[in-house]
Amino acid sequence: MQRIDCRADLRTFLCQAPLDDRVALARRANILHLAPILSMKWKFPPIENRRMMNVSLRSQIFVIVIILVVALAASMIYVTATIGLTRESIIRFDRERLSSLTDDLSRRYGSILNFVSPAQVGNSSLAERQDLTKLVYNITEERLQNAMDVRAGFFHSVWNRQLADIKPAGPSGDIVSADHYLRIVLQLTIDQRAQQWGHYETGSDNFIIVASPVIVRNNVVGAAWAVDDLAAAYSSSRPFDVRPLFQLALVVGILLSSFFVINLRREVNVVRRGLEVMKTDISKHLPQSRSELGHIASSINGLADTIVAQMAEREALQQTIQHGEKMASLGQLIAGVAHEIRTPLSVIKTRVQLWQRAFGSRKRGTKEIPAAVVTPSSMKLVVDELDRMDHIVRKLLYFSKQRKLHFARTNIHALLDSALATLEEPLRSNRVRITKSLSLNDPLLYIDGPEMKEVVLNLLTNAIEAMPLDGEMTLTTRAGHDPSTVELCIEDTGKKIGFDVSKNMFDPFFTTKETGTGLGLSIVYEIVRAHHGTIQYSHGKKGSCFTITLPRDCRNHAGTSERAL
């Protein structure tokens, strides 16, 4: 069985503390003989498992409560027993003191009465003699010089007379109920011919009575007695101070509570450190124990396992979806390319077949090729279709190649004027009115001017084609919500675009026109994205509105000036 060292804190101190600190500890603890030992380089194996880590918090609290209850009960028992022993000690001490007193008085009274002749023993008139009573009184008073708080006297049973009854000035002389119990004790003493005593508590009175028989010529003639008030003895004795016990109980409670809090804090720190690790690696598990925090850690570990499994499932699902989306995009791209290239190929194929037939008839005897077959217009048609295919291929290469943008300081207002000048003829033929709202104070941007002009030309062309005659186009430039960006808005009065069309308008080969490749807005989107900007479509006041948001300096964004599909 592995030995568990309970001195973890001391071991940690001995392993990690500097030499001077260890020697200083020995001096403060008055254990200089341990200084050589503490100055050695101690090496202990680390304590990984702590016994209290496997004890539930409820059990720890229960143990602490039990210890406090037991300590309090033991303290109460001790206090009660101590008080009881104190009372018994007072009674025993007072009884011994009064016994010695009454025994001494009994001998003295007996020696006096020995001078009385046997014939005069029963003569009660002797009790009236002043010399006799004065002698007894003096003997009693002399003996009480060392016991000033005691009431004492001599009762002559034959004469039935108290020959002496000296009452002190203290509480012992004021006990009213003492006379009744005194007669009882005197009678028992005379009857038993032996010393008798009694302890009595009546109301607020608490006293002890001791009586010793006075024997003359082997006959009991009376009793010497003494009464003492124990209340005075109790009050004069030092009462038991229970404050140290309560202070001790308080210290024990604080120590136990501190131990509980430290242990709880240790477990919480373990869980906290584990959670910090799980922030970067959720597959790491928290250390487990049988305490409540251990159950919480186990639940967290289970939750982490579930999250890891769900993340793996989600990643697999995302990969599947992304693969499906890529295949769908690829299929759509292939279908668009096939559709755009099939028409010019069909035209070229038809012309080539006609030429093949013409040349074939010439080989069979015809000297000339019919003029209706090979004409400049037919040749131009083939060349135009080839140019169309080349145009489509060049646009497709825009998505497949990484083209480097050349950012330069460009006036966006001048760029708009240049684009409008390029489209002057279409604008005039469609009687389009241009409204400008150029509110930028600083229109200079770091952008790729030719590329951004292509974006503007594409959007202006689409707006011209979407509007009827006498349409209106509004060009707006303004500062963006972020001071480091600007916005360019192109709004027309054409037919508004529905949601089903707007959500796909930036996809390659998507178009609603009878003619066109469907690559224009896709290229616009890629150019704007390469400038680290955004383009959004919205419904304007009368038609459609495209809003382009660009950073003022595209060189300071994303760290690259290349764009690709």
Protein backbone atom coordinates (compact mmCIF):
# COMPACT_ATOMS: atom_id res chain seq x y z
CA MET A 1 0.00 0.00 0.00
CA GLN A 2 1.33 3.41 -0.94
CA ARG A 3 2.17 5.63 2.00
CA ILE A 4 0.43 9.00 1.92
CA ASP A 5 2.38 11.86 3.48
CA CYS A 6 0.10 14.30 5.28
CA ARG A 7 2.77 17.01 5.56
CA ALA A 8 2.29 18.39 2.08
CA ASP A 9 2.78 22.02 3.04
CA LEU A 10 6.00 21.33 4.94
CA ARG A 11 7.29 19.16 2.10
CA THR A 12 6.49 21.87 -0.42
CA PHE A 13 8.30 24.44 1.75
CA LEU A 14 11.35 22.20 2.17
CA CYS A 15 11.47 21.51 -1.56
CA GLN A 16 10.92 25.04 -2.85
CA ALA A 17 11.90 27.55 -0.13
CA PRO A 18 15.34 29.20 -0.27
CA LEU A 19 17.99 28.15 2.23
CA ASP A 20 17.79 31.39 4.25
CA ASP A 21 14.03 31.05 4.65
CA ARG A 22 14.36 27.50 5.94
CA VAL A 23 16.97 28.50 8.55
CA ALA A 24 14.89 31.54 9.55
CA LEU A 25 11.90 29.24 10.07
CA ALA A 26 13.94 27.10 12.42
CA ARG A 27 15.00 30.14 14.45
CA ARG A 28 11.47 31.54 14.75
CA ALA A 29 10.15 28.14 15.82
CA ASN A 30 12.92 27.85 18.46
CA ILE A 31 14.19 24.64 16.90
CA LEU A 32 17.75 25.64 16.10
CA HIS A 33 18.80 22.01 16.41
CA LEU A 34 16.85 21.39 13.19
CA ALA A 35 18.61 24.18 11.27
CA PRO A 36 21.27 21.83 9.80
CA ILE A 37 18.54 19.47 8.67
CA LEU A 38 16.42 22.25 7.16
CA SER A 39 19.47 23.68 5.40
CA MET A 40 19.90 20.46 3.42
CA LYS A 41 18.54 20.17 -0.11
CA TRP A 42 15.45 18.10 0.34
CA LYS A 43 13.84 16.33 -2.59
CA PHE A 44 10.44 14.73 -2.18
CA PRO A 45 8.26 13.13 -4.81
CA PRO A 46 5.27 15.33 -5.70
CA ILE A 47 1.99 14.57 -4.00
CA GLU A 48 -0.53 14.11 -6.76
CA ASN A 49 -3.46 12.65 -4.89
CA ARG A 50 -4.78 14.28 -1.75
CA ARG A 51 -6.97 12.33 0.59
CA MET A 52 -9.40 15.19 1.18
CA MET A 53 -9.93 15.57 -2.58
CA ASN A 54 -11.82 12.29 -2.44
CA VAL A 55 -14.10 13.33 0.44
CA SER A 56 -17.38 14.99 -0.42
CA LEU A 57 -18.06 18.52 0.78
CA ARG A 58 -21.15 17.28 2.60
CA SER A 59 -19.01 14.77 4.52
CA GLN A 60 -16.47 17.45 5.37
CA ILE A 61 -19.17 19.78 6.68
CA PHE A 62 -20.72 16.90 8.64
CA VAL A 63 -17.37 16.03 10.23
CA ILE A 64 -16.74 19.68 11.17
CA VAL A 65 -20.20 19.99 12.73
CA ILE A 66 -19.73 16.73 14.67
CA ILE A 67 -16.35 17.89 15.97
CA LEU A 68 -17.79 21.24 17.09
CA VAL A 69 -20.79 19.60 18.76
CA VAL A 70 -18.59 17.05 20.55
CA ALA A 71 -16.20 19.80 21.66
CA LEU A 72 -19.08 21.94 22.94
CA ALA A 73 -20.67 18.97 24.76
CA ALA A 74 -17.31 18.02 26.30
CA SER A 75 -16.81 21.60 27.41
CA MET A 76 -20.25 21.73 29.05
CA ILE A 77 -19.64 18.41 30.81
CA TYR A 78 -16.28 19.61 31.97
CA VAL A 79 -17.72 22.87 33.24
CA THR A 80 -20.54 21.08 35.04
CA ALA A 81 -18.19 18.53 36.59
CA THR A 82 -15.74 21.24 37.59
CA ILE A 83 -18.47 23.28 39.27
CA GLY A 84 -19.74 20.15 41.03
CA LEU A 85 -16.26 19.28 42.25
CA THR A 86 -15.80 22.82 43.48
CA ARG A 87 -19.01 22.66 45.54
CA GLU A 88 -18.09 19.28 46.97
CA SER A 89 -14.61 20.55 47.82
CA ILE A 90 -16.05 23.55 49.65
CA ILE A 91 -18.47 21.37 51.61
CA ARG A 92 -15.77 18.84 52.46
CA PHE A 93 -13.31 21.51 53.53
CA ASP A 94 -15.92 23.31 55.65
CA ARG A 95 -17.06 20.09 57.26
CA GLU A 96 -13.49 19.18 58.22
CA ARG A 97 -12.95 22.65 59.62
CA LEU A 98 -16.15 22.55 61.68
CA SER A 99 -15.42 18.99 62.85
CA SER A 100 -12.06 20.05 64.17
CA LEU A 101 -13.73 23.05 65.82
CA THR A 102 -16.52 21.10 67.52
CA ASP A 103 -14.18 18.33 68.64
CA ASP A 104 -11.93 20.86 70.33
CA LEU A 105 -14.90 22.62 71.98
CA SER A 106 -16.30 19.25 73.09
CA ARG A 107 -13.08 18.36 74.93
CA ARG A 108 -12.91 21.79 76.58
CA TYR A 109 -16.54 21.69 77.64
CA GLY A 110 -16.03 18.20 79.05
CA SER A 111 -12.99 19.21 81.08
CA ILE A 112 -15.01 22.05 82.67
CA LEU A 113 -17.98 19.83 83.53
CA ASN A 114 -15.67 17.23 85.13
CA PHE A 115 -15.39 19.61 88.10
CA VAL A 116 -19.08 19.33 88.72
CA SER A 117 -19.78 16.60 91.29
CA PRO A 118 -21.89 13.66 90.15
CA ALA A 119 -24.60 14.68 92.59
CA GLN A 120 -24.88 18.11 90.97
CA VAL A 121 -24.95 16.91 87.34
CA GLY A 122 -28.73 16.90 87.20
CA ASN A 123 -29.08 20.22 89.01
CA SER A 124 -30.28 22.65 86.33
CA SER A 125 -29.83 25.62 88.65
CA LEU A 126 -26.13 25.46 87.90
CA ALA A 127 -26.97 26.80 84.46
CA GLU A 128 -27.86 30.08 86.14
CA ARG A 129 -24.46 30.54 87.61
CA GLN A 130 -22.72 33.43 85.93
CA ASP A 131 -19.24 32.11 86.47
CA LEU A 132 -20.02 28.84 84.67
CA THR A 133 -21.82 30.37 81.69
CA LYS A 134 -19.17 33.06 81.41
CA LEU A 135 -16.43 30.45 81.37
CA VAL A 136 -18.17 28.45 78.62
CA TYR A 137 -18.77 31.64 76.64
CA ASN A 138 -15.11 32.68 76.93
CA ILE A 139 -13.89 29.27 75.81
CA THR A 140 -16.18 29.38 72.80
CA GLU A 141 -15.28 32.94 71.92
CA GLU A 142 -11.57 32.20 72.20
CA ARG A 143 -11.87 29.20 69.89
CA LEU A 144 -13.79 31.24 67.31
CA GLN A 145 -10.95 33.72 67.00
CA ASN A 146 -9.71 31.69 64.00
CA ALA A 147 -13.22 31.19 62.59
CA MET A 148 -14.93 34.55 62.83
CA ASP A 149 -17.60 33.60 60.21
CA VAL A 150 -18.85 30.55 62.18
CA ARG A 151 -21.72 30.41 64.66
CA ALA A 152 -20.94 28.03 67.55
CA GLY A 153 -22.16 27.06 71.00
CA PHE A 154 -22.78 24.38 73.68
CA PHE A 155 -26.09 22.68 74.29
CA HIS A 156 -26.42 20.94 77.70
CA SER A 157 -28.96 18.17 77.18
CA VAL A 158 -29.42 17.37 80.88
CA TRP A 159 -30.15 20.99 81.75
CA ASN A 160 -31.82 21.54 78.31
CA ARG A 161 -30.06 24.83 78.04
CA GLN A 162 -27.81 26.58 75.50
CA LEU A 163 -24.89 27.53 77.67
CA ALA A 164 -23.26 29.40 74.77
CA ASP A 165 -24.50 30.62 71.39
CA ILE A 166 -22.14 33.03 69.71
CA LYS A 167 -23.43 34.46 66.42
CA PRO A 168 -21.00 36.19 64.10
CA ALA A 169 -21.78 39.47 62.43
CA GLY A 170 -21.73 37.82 58.95
CA PRO A 171 -24.35 35.78 57.10
CA SER A 172 -23.90 32.75 59.36
CA GLY A 173 -25.56 34.59 62.23
CA ASP A 174 -28.64 35.54 60.20
CA ILE A 175 -29.75 32.06 59.05
CA VAL A 176 -33.30 31.76 60.42
CA SER A 177 -33.91 28.14 59.40
CA ALA A 178 -30.67 26.95 61.01
CA ASP A 179 -32.23 26.63 64.49
CA HIS A 180 -34.70 24.01 63.34
CA TYR A 181 -32.08 21.81 61.68
CA LEU A 182 -29.68 22.45 64.58
CA ARG A 183 -32.06 20.78 67.04
CA ILE A 184 -32.31 17.78 64.73
CA VAL A 185 -28.53 17.39 64.43
CA LEU A 186 -28.08 17.86 68.21
CA GLN A 187 -30.62 15.18 68.99
CA LEU A 188 -28.94 12.75 66.57
CA THR A 189 -25.55 13.50 68.09
CA ILE A 190 -26.78 12.84 71.63
CA ASP A 191 -28.66 9.72 70.64
CA GLN A 192 -25.82 8.29 68.53
CA ARG A 193 -23.09 9.41 70.97
CA ALA A 194 -21.05 10.36 67.85
CA GLN A 195 -20.35 13.37 65.73
CA GLN A 196 -23.12 14.24 63.23
CA TRP A 197 -23.31 16.75 60.40
CA GLY A 198 -25.76 17.94 57.82
CA HIS A 199 -25.82 20.12 54.69
CA TYR A 200 -29.05 22.02 54.11
CA GLU A 201 -30.38 24.25 51.36
CA THR A 202 -33.66 26.04 52.08
CA GLY A 203 -34.64 28.86 49.84
CA SER A 204 -31.72 31.21 49.67
CA ASP A 205 -30.05 29.64 52.73
CA ASN A 206 -27.22 27.21 52.19
CA PHE A 207 -25.44 26.09 55.35
CA ILE A 208 -23.71 23.18 57.07
CA ILE A 209 -24.11 22.03 60.72
CA VAL A 210 -21.62 19.88 62.66
CA ALA A 211 -22.12 18.67 66.25
CA SER A 212 -19.80 16.65 68.53
CA PRO A 213 -20.99 14.95 71.75
CA VAL A 214 -19.72 16.21 75.15
CA ILE A 215 -19.03 13.15 77.34
CA VAL A 216 -18.48 13.43 81.11
CA ARG A 217 -17.77 10.27 83.14
CA ASN A 218 -18.87 8.18 80.18
CA ASN A 219 -22.19 9.98 79.98
CA VAL A 220 -23.35 12.29 77.18
CA VAL A 221 -24.33 15.57 78.79
CA GLY A 222 -24.65 17.68 75.63
CA ALA A 223 -23.06 18.61 72.33
CA ALA A 224 -20.70 21.25 70.99
CA TRP A 225 -22.03 22.53 67.66
CA ALA A 226 -21.09 24.90 64.84
CA VAL A 227 -22.99 26.41 61.86
CA ASP A 228 -21.38 27.94 58.77
CA ASP A 229 -23.02 29.72 55.83
CA LEU A 230 -21.82 28.08 52.59
CA ALA A 231 -23.25 30.87 50.44
CA ALA A 232 -20.51 33.09 51.72
CA ALA A 233 -17.95 30.37 50.96
CA TYR A 234 -19.35 29.97 47.42
CA SER A 235 -19.24 33.70 46.83
CA SER A 236 -15.74 34.01 48.24
CA SER A 237 -14.47 31.20 46.05
CA ARG A 238 -13.41 32.12 42.49
CA PRO A 239 -16.11 31.10 40.02
CA PHE A 240 -15.13 28.96 37.05
CA ASP A 241 -14.34 31.10 33.99
CA VAL A 242 -15.85 29.50 30.90
CA ARG A 243 -14.52 32.14 28.53
CA PRO A 244 -11.29 30.23 27.75
CA LEU A 245 -13.38 27.22 26.73
CA PHE A 246 -15.50 29.29 24.40
CA GLN A 247 -12.39 30.95 23.02
CA LEU A 248 -10.86 27.54 22.46
CA ALA A 249 -14.03 26.36 20.75
CA LEU A 250 -13.98 29.49 18.59
CA VAL A 251 -10.36 28.88 17.60
CA VAL A 252 -11.09 25.23 16.80
CA GLY A 253 -14.11 26.28 14.75
CA ILE A 254 -12.07 28.87 12.85
CA LEU A 255 -9.32 26.32 12.17
CA LEU A 256 -11.77 23.71 10.95
CA SER A 257 -13.63 26.26 8.84
CA SER A 258 -10.34 27.52 7.42
CA PHE A 259 -9.35 23.97 6.59
CA PHE A 260 -12.68 23.44 4.86
CA VAL A 261 -12.41 26.73 2.94
CA ILE A 262 -8.80 26.04 1.92
CA ASN A 263 -9.70 22.56 0.74
CA LEU A 264 -12.72 23.92 -1.13
CA ARG A 265 -10.61 26.67 -2.68
CA ARG A 266 -8.03 24.07 -3.73
CA GLU A 267 -10.68 22.02 -5.49
CA VAL A 268 -12.17 25.13 -7.12
CA ASN A 269 -8.71 26.15 -8.36
CA VAL A 270 -8.20 22.69 -9.84
CA VAL A 271 -11.49 22.99 -11.70
CA ARG A 272 -10.70 26.58 -12.76
CA ARG A 273 -7.27 25.62 -14.10
CA GLY A 274 -8.83 22.70 -15.92
CA LEU A 275 -11.39 25.01 -17.52
CA GLU A 276 -8.61 27.37 -18.61
CA VAL A 277 -6.92 24.43 -20.33
CA MET A 278 -10.21 23.37 -21.90
CA LYS A 279 -10.54 26.82 -23.49
CA THR A 280 -7.66 25.94 -25.80
CA ASP A 281 -8.16 22.19 -25.94
CA ILE A 282 -11.66 20.98 -25.15
CA SER A 283 -10.53 17.37 -25.38
CA LYS A 284 -8.62 17.77 -22.09
CA HIS A 285 -10.58 16.46 -19.10
CA LEU A 286 -10.89 17.96 -15.64
CA PRO A 287 -9.45 15.91 -12.75
CA GLN A 288 -12.19 13.95 -11.01
CA SER A 289 -12.81 13.17 -7.37
CA ARG A 290 -15.62 11.89 -5.17
CA SER A 291 -16.54 15.34 -3.88
CA GLU A 292 -19.37 17.49 -5.19
CA LEU A 293 -16.93 19.48 -7.32
CA GLY A 294 -15.68 16.17 -8.65
CA HIS A 295 -19.23 15.35 -9.77
CA ILE A 296 -19.43 18.78 -11.41
CA ALA A 297 -16.08 18.13 -13.13
CA SER A 298 -17.38 14.78 -14.33
CA SER A 299 -20.48 16.46 -15.77
CA ILE A 300 -18.31 19.08 -17.47
CA ASN A 301 -16.14 16.32 -18.92
CA GLY A 302 -19.23 14.60 -20.25
CA LEU A 303 -20.45 17.86 -21.74
CA ALA A 304 -17.04 18.44 -23.33
CA ASP A 305 -17.10 14.94 -24.84
CA THR A 306 -20.55 15.66 -26.26
CA ILE A 307 -19.36 18.98 -27.67
CA VAL A 308 -16.31 17.32 -29.25
CA ALA A 309 -18.51 14.66 -30.81
CA GLN A 310 -20.96 17.28 -32.07
CA MET A 311 -18.12 19.39 -33.43
CA ALA A 312 -16.74 16.38 -35.29
CA GLU A 313 -20.19 15.61 -36.67
CA ARG A 314 -20.72 19.25 -37.63
CA GLU A 315 -17.31 19.43 -39.30
CA ALA A 316 -18.05 16.27 -41.26
CA LEU A 317 -21.45 17.67 -42.21
CA GLN A 318 -19.90 20.99 -43.24
CA GLN A 319 -17.35 19.21 -45.37
CA THR A 320 -20.13 17.23 -47.00
CA ILE A 321 -22.18 20.38 -47.59
CA GLN A 322 -19.16 22.29 -48.90
CA HIS A 323 -18.31 19.43 -51.21
CA GLY A 324 -21.91 19.37 -52.42
CA GLU A 325 -21.90 23.14 -52.90
CA LYS A 326 -18.62 22.95 -54.81
CA MET A 327 -19.99 20.21 -57.03
CA ALA A 328 -23.19 22.18 -57.57
CA SER A 329 -21.23 25.34 -58.40
CA LEU A 330 -18.98 23.36 -60.70
CA GLY A 331 -22.00 21.83 -62.41
CA GLN A 332 -23.61 25.22 -62.79
CA LEU A 333 -20.37 26.66 -64.15
CA ILE A 334 -19.96 23.81 -66.61
CA ALA A 335 -23.58 24.14 -67.72
CA GLY A 336 -23.13 27.89 -68.25
CA VAL A 337 -19.91 27.43 -70.19
CA ALA A 338 -21.47 24.71 -72.31
CA HIS A 339 -24.51 26.88 -73.00
CA GLU A 340 -22.47 29.95 -73.92
CA ILE A 341 -20.01 28.09 -76.14
CA ARG A 342 -22.52 25.74 -77.77
CA THR A 343 -24.25 28.54 -79.77
CA PRO A 344 -21.13 29.95 -81.46
CA LEU A 345 -19.84 26.44 -82.03
CA SER A 346 -23.11 25.52 -83.73
CA VAL A 347 -22.88 28.59 -86.01
CA ILE A 348 -19.26 27.85 -86.89
CA LYS A 349 -20.02 24.16 -87.47
CA THR A 350 -22.87 25.04 -89.83
CA ARG A 351 -20.69 27.37 -91.88
CA VAL A 352 -17.87 24.89 -92.04
CA GLN A 353 -20.21 22.14 -93.20
CA LEU A 354 -21.52 24.38 -95.99
CA TRP A 355 -17.98 25.10 -97.07
CA GLN A 356 -17.15 21.38 -96.98
CA ARG A 357 -20.07 20.66 -99.29
CA ALA A 358 -19.02 23.43 -101.68
CA PHE A 359 -15.47 22.15 -101.87
CA GLY A 360 -16.76 18.61 -102.30
CA SER A 361 -18.87 19.59 -105.33
CA ARG A 362 -15.80 21.27 -106.84
CA LYS A 363 -13.86 18.09 -106.64
CA ARG A 364 -16.63 16.30 -108.50
CA GLY A 365 -16.29 18.60 -111.53
CA THR A 366 -17.52 21.98 -110.53
CA LYS A 367 -14.93 24.54 -111.39
CA GLU A 368 -15.98 27.34 -109.04
CA ILE A 369 -17.29 27.56 -105.53
CA PRO A 370 -20.75 29.12 -105.43
CA ALA A 371 -20.54 32.73 -104.38
CA ALA A 372 -23.50 32.28 -102.07
CA VAL A 373 -21.49 29.89 -99.91
CA VAL A 374 -18.24 31.67 -99.22
CA THR A 375 -18.94 35.35 -98.70
CA PRO A 376 -17.32 38.08 -96.59
CA SER A 377 -20.39 38.12 -94.38
CA SER A 378 -20.15 34.39 -93.69
CA MET A 379 -16.48 34.71 -92.95
CA LYS A 380 -17.20 37.67 -90.62
CA LEU A 381 -19.88 35.62 -88.88
CA VAL A 382 -17.38 32.88 -88.10
CA VAL A 383 -14.83 35.41 -86.86
CA ASP A 384 -17.46 37.13 -84.66
CA GLU A 385 -18.46 33.84 -83.09
CA LEU A 386 -14.83 33.01 -82.45
CA ASP A 387 -14.38 36.45 -80.83
CA ARG A 388 -17.43 35.76 -78.71
CA MET A 389 -15.95 32.49 -77.52
CA ASP A 390 -12.64 34.24 -76.84
CA HIS A 391 -14.48 36.90 -74.80
CA ILE A 392 -16.19 34.21 -72.73
CA VAL A 393 -12.92 32.39 -72.16
CA ARG A 394 -11.15 35.59 -71.10
CA LYS A 395 -13.90 36.29 -68.57
CA LEU A 396 -13.64 32.77 -67.24
CA LEU A 397 -9.90 33.21 -66.89
CA TYR A 398 -10.68 36.16 -64.60
CA PHE A 399 -11.97 33.66 -62.02
CA SER A 400 -9.30 31.03 -62.55
CA LYS A 401 -6.17 33.20 -62.42
CA GLN A 402 -4.72 35.17 -59.53
CA ARG A 403 -4.42 38.70 -60.83
CA LYS A 404 -2.50 41.29 -58.93
CA LEU A 405 -4.22 44.59 -58.30
CA HIS A 406 -2.28 47.82 -58.61
CA PHE A 407 -3.51 50.23 -55.97
CA ALA A 408 -2.92 53.89 -56.73
CA ARG A 409 -4.33 57.16 -55.53
CA THR A 410 -7.52 57.63 -57.56
CA ASN A 411 -10.20 60.32 -57.57
CA ILE A 412 -13.48 58.43 -57.35
CA HIS A 413 -15.43 61.40 -58.73
CA ALA A 414 -13.17 61.61 -61.78
CA LEU A 415 -13.55 57.83 -62.23
CA LEU A 416 -17.35 58.23 -62.34
CA ASP A 417 -17.07 61.03 -64.91
CA SER A 418 -14.79 58.86 -67.04
CA ALA A 419 -17.26 55.96 -66.93
CA LEU A 420 -20.15 58.24 -67.89
CA ALA A 421 -18.10 59.58 -70.79
CA THR A 422 -17.45 56.03 -71.99
CA LEU A 423 -21.19 55.32 -72.01
CA GLU A 424 -22.18 58.67 -73.49
CA GLU A 425 -23.76 57.14 -76.58
CA PRO A 426 -25.99 54.58 -74.81
CA LEU A 427 -27.02 57.22 -72.28
CA ARG A 428 -27.97 59.66 -75.02
CA SER A 429 -29.83 57.08 -77.13
CA ASN A 430 -31.89 55.97 -74.11
CA ARG A 431 -32.41 59.58 -72.95
CA VAL A 432 -31.14 58.80 -69.46
CA ARG A 433 -30.92 61.71 -67.02
CA ILE A 434 -27.93 61.66 -64.68
CA THR A 435 -28.18 63.08 -61.14
CA LYS A 436 -25.05 63.37 -59.03
CA SER A 437 -24.90 63.68 -55.26
CA LEU A 438 -21.16 63.72 -54.55
CA SER A 439 -20.72 64.64 -50.89
CA LEU A 440 -17.21 63.31 -50.26
CA ASN A 441 -14.89 66.08 -49.10
CA ASP A 442 -11.87 63.94 -49.93
CA PRO A 443 -12.60 61.81 -53.04
CA LEU A 444 -9.06 60.41 -53.26
CA LEU A 445 -8.89 56.64 -52.61
CA TYR A 446 -6.16 54.05 -52.93
CA ILE A 447 -7.81 51.61 -55.38
CA ASP A 448 -7.12 49.90 -58.71
CA GLY A 449 -8.65 52.52 -61.04
CA PRO A 450 -9.12 50.40 -64.22
CA GLU A 451 -10.64 47.51 -62.28
CA MET A 452 -13.01 49.76 -60.34
CA LYS A 453 -13.98 51.56 -63.61
CA GLU A 454 -14.99 48.16 -65.01
CA VAL A 455 -17.24 47.70 -61.96
CA VAL A 456 -18.90 51.08 -62.52
CA LEU A 457 -19.28 50.46 -66.29
CA ASN A 458 -20.92 47.10 -65.64
CA LEU A 459 -23.41 48.53 -63.12
CA LEU A 460 -24.19 51.54 -65.35
CA THR A 461 -24.74 49.28 -68.36
CA ASN A 462 -27.13 47.06 -66.40
CA ALA A 463 -29.01 50.14 -65.18
CA ILE A 464 -29.34 51.52 -68.75
CA GLU A 465 -30.64 48.20 -70.00
CA ALA A 466 -33.11 47.85 -67.08
CA MET A 467 -34.69 51.32 -67.54
CA PRO A 468 -37.20 52.40 -70.19
CA LEU A 469 -36.67 55.56 -72.20
CA ASP A 470 -36.41 58.80 -70.25
CA GLY A 471 -35.12 57.03 -67.18
CA GLU A 472 -33.17 58.63 -64.37
CA MET A 473 -29.94 57.46 -62.76
CA THR A 474 -28.58 58.81 -59.48
CA LEU A 475 -24.89 58.55 -58.53
CA THR A 476 -24.11 59.16 -54.85
CA THR A 477 -20.84 59.18 -52.92
CA ARG A 478 -20.71 59.62 -49.15
CA ALA A 479 -18.73 58.66 -46.07
CA GLY A 480 -19.47 55.22 -44.64
CA HIS A 481 -20.56 54.37 -41.13
CA ASP A 482 -16.89 53.65 -40.46
CA PRO A 483 -14.85 56.86 -41.03
CA SER A 484 -12.22 54.80 -42.86
CA THR A 485 -14.70 53.73 -45.59
CA VAL A 486 -16.69 55.38 -48.36
CA GLU A 487 -19.91 54.39 -50.09
CA LEU A 488 -20.80 54.57 -53.81
CA CYS A 489 -24.50 54.18 -54.70
CA ILE A 490 -25.88 53.69 -58.22
CA GLU A 491 -29.69 53.94 -58.28
CA ASP A 492 -31.98 53.68 -61.32
CA THR A 493 -35.71 53.93 -62.04
CA GLY A 494 -36.02 50.56 -63.70
CA LYS A 495 -37.96 47.51 -62.63
CA LYS A 496 -37.11 46.33 -59.14
CA ILE A 497 -35.40 42.96 -58.82
CA GLY A 498 -37.23 40.26 -56.87
CA PHE A 499 -35.73 38.26 -54.02
CA ASP A 500 -35.43 35.04 -56.02
CA VAL A 501 -33.27 36.86 -58.55
CA SER A 502 -31.29 39.09 -56.14
CA LYS A 503 -30.06 36.17 -54.03
CA ASN A 504 -28.41 34.57 -57.11
CA MET A 505 -27.46 37.65 -59.15
CA PHE A 506 -23.76 37.43 -58.24
CA ASP A 507 -23.44 33.74 -59.26
CA PRO A 508 -21.50 33.03 -62.47
CA PHE A 509 -23.66 32.57 -65.62
CA PHE A 510 -26.83 33.60 -63.80
CA THR A 511 -28.80 36.02 -65.96
CA THR A 512 -32.38 36.96 -66.72
CA LYS A 513 -31.52 38.60 -70.05
CA GLU A 514 -32.14 36.99 -73.38
CA THR A 515 -28.60 37.89 -74.39
CA GLY A 516 -25.53 38.01 -72.15
CA THR A 517 -23.14 35.65 -70.47
CA GLY A 518 -24.22 36.20 -66.85
CA LEU A 519 -20.62 36.91 -65.81
CA GLY A 520 -20.83 40.68 -65.40
CA LEU A 521 -22.08 40.90 -61.81
CA SER A 522 -19.89 37.95 -60.82
CA ILE A 523 -16.83 39.85 -62.00
CA VAL A 524 -18.11 42.99 -60.21
CA TYR A 525 -18.45 41.02 -56.99
CA GLU A 526 -14.93 39.59 -57.30
CA ILE A 527 -13.34 42.97 -58.01
CA VAL A 528 -15.09 44.59 -55.03
CA ARG A 529 -14.12 41.68 -52.80
CA ALA A 530 -10.50 41.96 -53.97
CA HIS A 531 -10.61 45.57 -52.77
CA HIS A 532 -11.76 44.26 -49.38
CA GLY A 533 -15.11 45.94 -49.85
CA THR A 534 -18.74 44.86 -50.08
CA ILE A 535 -21.53 45.28 -52.60
CA GLN A 536 -25.20 45.10 -51.62
CA TYR A 537 -28.44 45.30 -53.54
CA SER A 538 -31.53 47.06 -52.20
CA HIS A 539 -34.75 48.54 -53.49
CA GLY A 540 -34.45 52.25 -54.19
CA LYS A 541 -37.21 54.82 -54.18
CA LYS A 542 -38.28 53.94 -57.73
CA GLY A 543 -36.05 51.10 -58.84
CA SER A 544 -32.89 49.21 -57.96
CA CYS A 545 -29.92 50.44 -55.97
CA PHE A 546 -26.41 48.95 -55.74
CA THR A 547 -24.25 50.18 -52.81
CA ILE A 548 -20.49 49.59 -52.87
CA THR A 549 -18.53 50.10 -49.66
CA LEU A 550 -14.75 50.49 -50.03
CA PRO A 551 -11.94 51.27 -47.60
CA ARG A 552 -10.17 54.55 -48.28
CA ASP A 553 -6.85 52.77 -48.42
CA CYS A 554 -7.13 49.21 -49.73
CA ARG A 555 -3.41 48.68 -49.15
CA ASN A 556 -3.94 48.46 -45.38
CA HIS A 557 -6.48 45.63 -45.50
CA ALA A 558 -6.01 41.87 -45.42
CA GLY A 559 -2.30 42.07 -46.19
CA THR A 560 -2.62 40.97 -49.85
CA SER A 561 -3.56 42.59 -53.12
CA GLU A 562 -4.30 39.39 -55.00
CA ARG A 563 -7.75 38.07 -55.78
CA ALA A 564 -8.97 34.74 -57.00
CA LEU A 565 -12.17 32.75 -57.20
